[in-house]
Every structure is written in C-alpha cells, then in structure tokens.
Amino acid sequence: MVLSGVAPGTLLAENEEGAAYFQQACTRCHRNPSEVSYAFEGPDAAAEMDAFLSRHHASDPDLRAALIAWFRSQTSE
C-alpha cells in the first residue's frame, strides 16, 4: 500500500524519529504535542509548521519533516 507516494514503512520510521526528537528536544518546554500542533490546522498546516520550526530550534530539515509527520499523526488519531 502506498499513501501519497510514500511507502508505509517510511511513514512509520518518520513517526518514530519524530517522536524521539520531540522527547529529546521539545519536552523541556512542551510536555504535550497538542501544545504545539493546535496552532497548525488546515490545508497549509505542514508548510506553516515547517516555517515555524525552522525558526524555533529545529534547523535540520529532515528532523523537521519527521517531527511534522509525527505531529500530524498525533492529531489524526
């Protein structure tokens, strides 16, 4: 099964990496992912979150992508 051109294993790996990054870098100030993700909803949420995170302690684009994928998986559960 392929979702949006991305293999499911890739999504799982990104989610795990995003969760680990959140635990390592974000929980010092943000204990719950909803404290961050609530501000980013709608069709442009991923792009808006990427722009915000690039200015907010997440300069690595690969880690930002993993973190965004994880945030989005949390809000869809």
N, C-alpha and C. Protein backbone atom coordinates (compact mmCIF):
# COMPACT_ATOMS: atom_id res chain seq x y z
N MET A 1 0.84 -1.18 0.00
CA MET A 1 0.00 0.00 0.00
C MET A 1 0.88 1.24 0.00
N VAL A 2 0.50 2.22 -0.80
CA VAL A 2 1.25 3.46 -0.87
C VAL A 2 0.29 4.61 -0.61
N LEU A 3 0.66 5.49 0.28
CA LEU A 3 -0.16 6.64 0.64
C LEU A 3 0.57 7.90 0.21
N SER A 4 -0.02 8.62 -0.71
CA SER A 4 0.57 9.87 -1.19
C SER A 4 1.98 9.66 -1.71
N GLY A 5 2.25 8.52 -2.31
CA GLY A 5 3.55 8.27 -2.88
C GLY A 5 4.63 7.91 -1.87
N VAL A 6 4.25 7.69 -0.62
CA VAL A 6 5.22 7.35 0.42
C VAL A 6 4.89 5.96 0.95
N ALA A 7 5.89 5.12 0.98
CA ALA A 7 5.69 3.76 1.47
C ALA A 7 5.36 3.77 2.96
N PRO A 8 4.48 2.88 3.42
CA PRO A 8 4.09 2.85 4.84
C PRO A 8 5.26 2.73 5.80
N GLY A 9 6.27 1.95 5.45
CA GLY A 9 7.44 1.81 6.32
C GLY A 9 8.16 3.13 6.52
N THR A 10 8.16 3.96 5.49
CA THR A 10 8.78 5.27 5.60
C THR A 10 8.02 6.14 6.59
N LEU A 11 6.69 6.08 6.53
CA LEU A 11 5.87 6.85 7.46
C LEU A 11 6.11 6.41 8.89
N LEU A 12 6.19 5.10 9.12
CA LEU A 12 6.44 4.58 10.45
C LEU A 12 7.80 5.04 10.97
N ALA A 13 8.81 4.96 10.13
CA ALA A 13 10.15 5.39 10.54
C ALA A 13 10.17 6.88 10.86
N GLU A 14 9.49 7.69 10.03
CA GLU A 14 9.42 9.12 10.29
C GLU A 14 8.71 9.40 11.60
N ASN A 15 7.62 8.68 11.84
CA ASN A 15 6.88 8.89 13.09
C ASN A 15 7.73 8.55 14.30
N GLU A 16 8.47 7.46 14.23
CA GLU A 16 9.34 7.08 15.35
C GLU A 16 10.44 8.11 15.55
N GLU A 17 11.02 8.57 14.47
CA GLU A 17 12.08 9.58 14.57
C GLU A 17 11.51 10.90 15.10
N GLY A 18 10.33 11.27 14.63
CA GLY A 18 9.69 12.50 15.11
C GLY A 18 9.36 12.42 16.57
N ALA A 19 8.85 11.27 17.02
CA ALA A 19 8.52 11.08 18.44
C ALA A 19 9.78 11.18 19.29
N ALA A 20 10.85 10.56 18.84
CA ALA A 20 12.11 10.60 19.58
C ALA A 20 12.66 12.02 19.65
N TYR A 21 12.57 12.74 18.53
CA TYR A 21 13.05 14.12 18.51
C TYR A 21 12.22 15.00 19.44
N PHE A 22 10.90 14.80 19.45
CA PHE A 22 10.04 15.56 20.35
C PHE A 22 10.46 15.30 21.80
N GLN A 23 10.67 14.03 22.15
CA GLN A 23 11.07 13.69 23.52
C GLN A 23 12.41 14.32 23.88
N GLN A 24 13.33 14.32 22.94
CA GLN A 24 14.68 14.81 23.20
C GLN A 24 14.73 16.34 23.26
N ALA A 25 14.07 17.00 22.32
CA ALA A 25 14.29 18.43 22.16
C ALA A 25 13.13 19.33 22.58
N CYS A 26 11.93 18.79 22.65
CA CYS A 26 10.77 19.67 22.83
C CYS A 26 10.12 19.59 24.21
N THR A 27 10.25 18.44 24.86
CA THR A 27 9.51 18.24 26.11
C THR A 27 10.02 19.10 27.26
N ARG A 28 11.18 19.69 27.11
CA ARG A 28 11.65 20.61 28.15
C ARG A 28 10.67 21.75 28.34
N CYS A 29 10.04 22.18 27.25
CA CYS A 29 9.10 23.30 27.31
C CYS A 29 7.67 22.89 26.97
N HIS A 30 7.51 21.88 26.16
CA HIS A 30 6.19 21.46 25.67
C HIS A 30 5.95 20.01 26.08
N ARG A 31 5.21 19.81 27.12
CA ARG A 31 5.01 18.45 27.64
C ARG A 31 4.08 17.61 26.78
N ASN A 32 3.18 18.26 26.06
CA ASN A 32 2.20 17.55 25.26
C ASN A 32 2.26 18.07 23.82
N PRO A 33 2.27 17.19 22.83
CA PRO A 33 2.35 17.67 21.44
C PRO A 33 1.20 18.58 21.06
N SER A 34 0.06 18.45 21.71
CA SER A 34 -1.07 19.32 21.37
C SER A 34 -0.80 20.77 21.74
N GLU A 35 0.15 21.02 22.64
CA GLU A 35 0.53 22.38 22.99
C GLU A 35 1.14 23.12 21.80
N VAL A 36 1.63 22.37 20.84
CA VAL A 36 2.26 22.95 19.66
C VAL A 36 1.35 22.80 18.45
N SER A 37 0.84 21.62 18.23
CA SER A 37 0.14 21.32 16.99
C SER A 37 -1.22 21.99 16.86
N TYR A 38 -1.84 22.41 17.98
CA TYR A 38 -3.16 23.04 17.90
C TYR A 38 -3.15 24.28 17.02
N ALA A 39 -2.03 24.95 16.95
CA ALA A 39 -1.93 26.20 16.20
C ALA A 39 -1.81 25.99 14.69
N PHE A 40 -1.65 24.74 14.27
CA PHE A 40 -1.42 24.45 12.87
C PHE A 40 -2.48 23.50 12.36
N GLU A 41 -3.50 24.05 11.74
CA GLU A 41 -4.58 23.24 11.20
C GLU A 41 -4.87 23.71 9.78
N GLY A 42 -5.55 22.88 9.02
CA GLY A 42 -5.95 23.25 7.68
C GLY A 42 -5.00 22.75 6.63
N PRO A 43 -5.27 23.10 5.38
CA PRO A 43 -4.51 22.55 4.26
C PRO A 43 -3.04 22.98 4.22
N ASP A 44 -2.71 24.09 4.83
CA ASP A 44 -1.33 24.58 4.81
C ASP A 44 -0.60 24.31 6.12
N ALA A 45 -1.15 23.46 6.96
CA ALA A 45 -0.59 23.22 8.29
C ALA A 45 0.86 22.75 8.24
N ALA A 46 1.16 21.81 7.38
CA ALA A 46 2.53 21.28 7.33
C ALA A 46 3.52 22.37 6.93
N ALA A 47 3.19 23.16 5.93
CA ALA A 47 4.08 24.23 5.48
C ALA A 47 4.24 25.30 6.56
N GLU A 48 3.14 25.64 7.23
CA GLU A 48 3.21 26.63 8.30
C GLU A 48 4.04 26.12 9.47
N MET A 49 3.86 24.84 9.80
CA MET A 49 4.63 24.27 10.89
C MET A 49 6.12 24.21 10.53
N ASP A 50 6.42 23.87 9.29
CA ASP A 50 7.81 23.83 8.84
C ASP A 50 8.45 25.20 8.96
N ALA A 51 7.75 26.23 8.51
CA ALA A 51 8.28 27.60 8.60
C ALA A 51 8.52 27.99 10.05
N PHE A 52 7.56 27.68 10.92
CA PHE A 52 7.71 28.00 12.34
C PHE A 52 8.90 27.25 12.96
N LEU A 53 8.95 25.94 12.72
CA LEU A 53 10.01 25.13 13.34
C LEU A 53 11.39 25.51 12.84
N SER A 54 11.49 25.98 11.61
CA SER A 54 12.81 26.38 11.09
C SER A 54 13.36 27.58 11.87
N ARG A 55 12.45 28.34 12.48
CA ARG A 55 12.87 29.48 13.31
C ARG A 55 12.87 29.14 14.80
N HIS A 56 12.38 27.97 15.15
CA HIS A 56 12.18 27.62 16.56
C HIS A 56 12.91 26.32 16.91
N HIS A 57 14.22 26.39 16.94
CA HIS A 57 15.06 25.30 17.46
C HIS A 57 15.09 24.03 16.60
N ALA A 58 14.68 24.08 15.35
CA ALA A 58 14.71 22.87 14.50
C ALA A 58 15.25 23.25 13.13
N SER A 59 16.54 23.46 13.06
CA SER A 59 17.14 23.91 11.80
C SER A 59 17.33 22.78 10.78
N ASP A 60 17.37 21.54 11.23
CA ASP A 60 17.59 20.40 10.33
C ASP A 60 16.29 20.06 9.59
N PRO A 61 16.26 20.17 8.25
CA PRO A 61 15.03 19.92 7.51
C PRO A 61 14.51 18.49 7.61
N ASP A 62 15.41 17.52 7.73
CA ASP A 62 14.96 16.12 7.86
C ASP A 62 14.29 15.88 9.21
N LEU A 63 14.86 16.45 10.27
CA LEU A 63 14.23 16.32 11.59
C LEU A 63 12.91 17.07 11.64
N ARG A 64 12.85 18.23 10.99
CA ARG A 64 11.57 18.96 10.93
C ARG A 64 10.52 18.13 10.23
N ALA A 65 10.87 17.50 9.12
CA ALA A 65 9.92 16.67 8.38
C ALA A 65 9.42 15.52 9.23
N ALA A 66 10.33 14.88 9.96
CA ALA A 66 9.93 13.77 10.83
C ALA A 66 9.04 14.27 11.96
N LEU A 67 9.39 15.39 12.53
CA LEU A 67 8.59 15.95 13.62
C LEU A 67 7.20 16.35 13.14
N ILE A 68 7.11 16.95 11.97
CA ILE A 68 5.82 17.34 11.41
C ILE A 68 4.97 16.12 11.11
N ALA A 69 5.58 15.08 10.53
CA ALA A 69 4.83 13.84 10.26
C ALA A 69 4.30 13.26 11.56
N TRP A 70 5.10 13.30 12.61
CA TRP A 70 4.67 12.76 13.90
C TRP A 70 3.54 13.62 14.48
N PHE A 71 3.70 14.94 14.45
CA PHE A 71 2.64 15.83 14.94
C PHE A 71 1.33 15.53 14.22
N ARG A 72 1.40 15.42 12.89
CA ARG A 72 0.18 15.19 12.11
C ARG A 72 -0.43 13.82 12.43
N SER A 73 0.39 12.83 12.73
CA SER A 73 -0.15 11.52 13.09
C SER A 73 -0.84 11.58 14.46
N GLN A 74 -0.38 12.46 15.34
CA GLN A 74 -0.98 12.61 16.66
C GLN A 74 -2.36 13.24 16.57
N THR A 75 -2.53 14.18 15.67
CA THR A 75 -3.81 14.86 15.55
C THR A 75 -4.82 14.05 14.78
N SER A 76 -4.36 13.05 14.01
CA SER A 76 -5.30 12.24 13.22
C SER A 76 -5.76 11.00 13.98
N GLU A 77 -5.22 10.77 15.18
CA GLU A 77 -5.59 9.59 15.95
C GLU A 77 -6.85 9.81 16.74
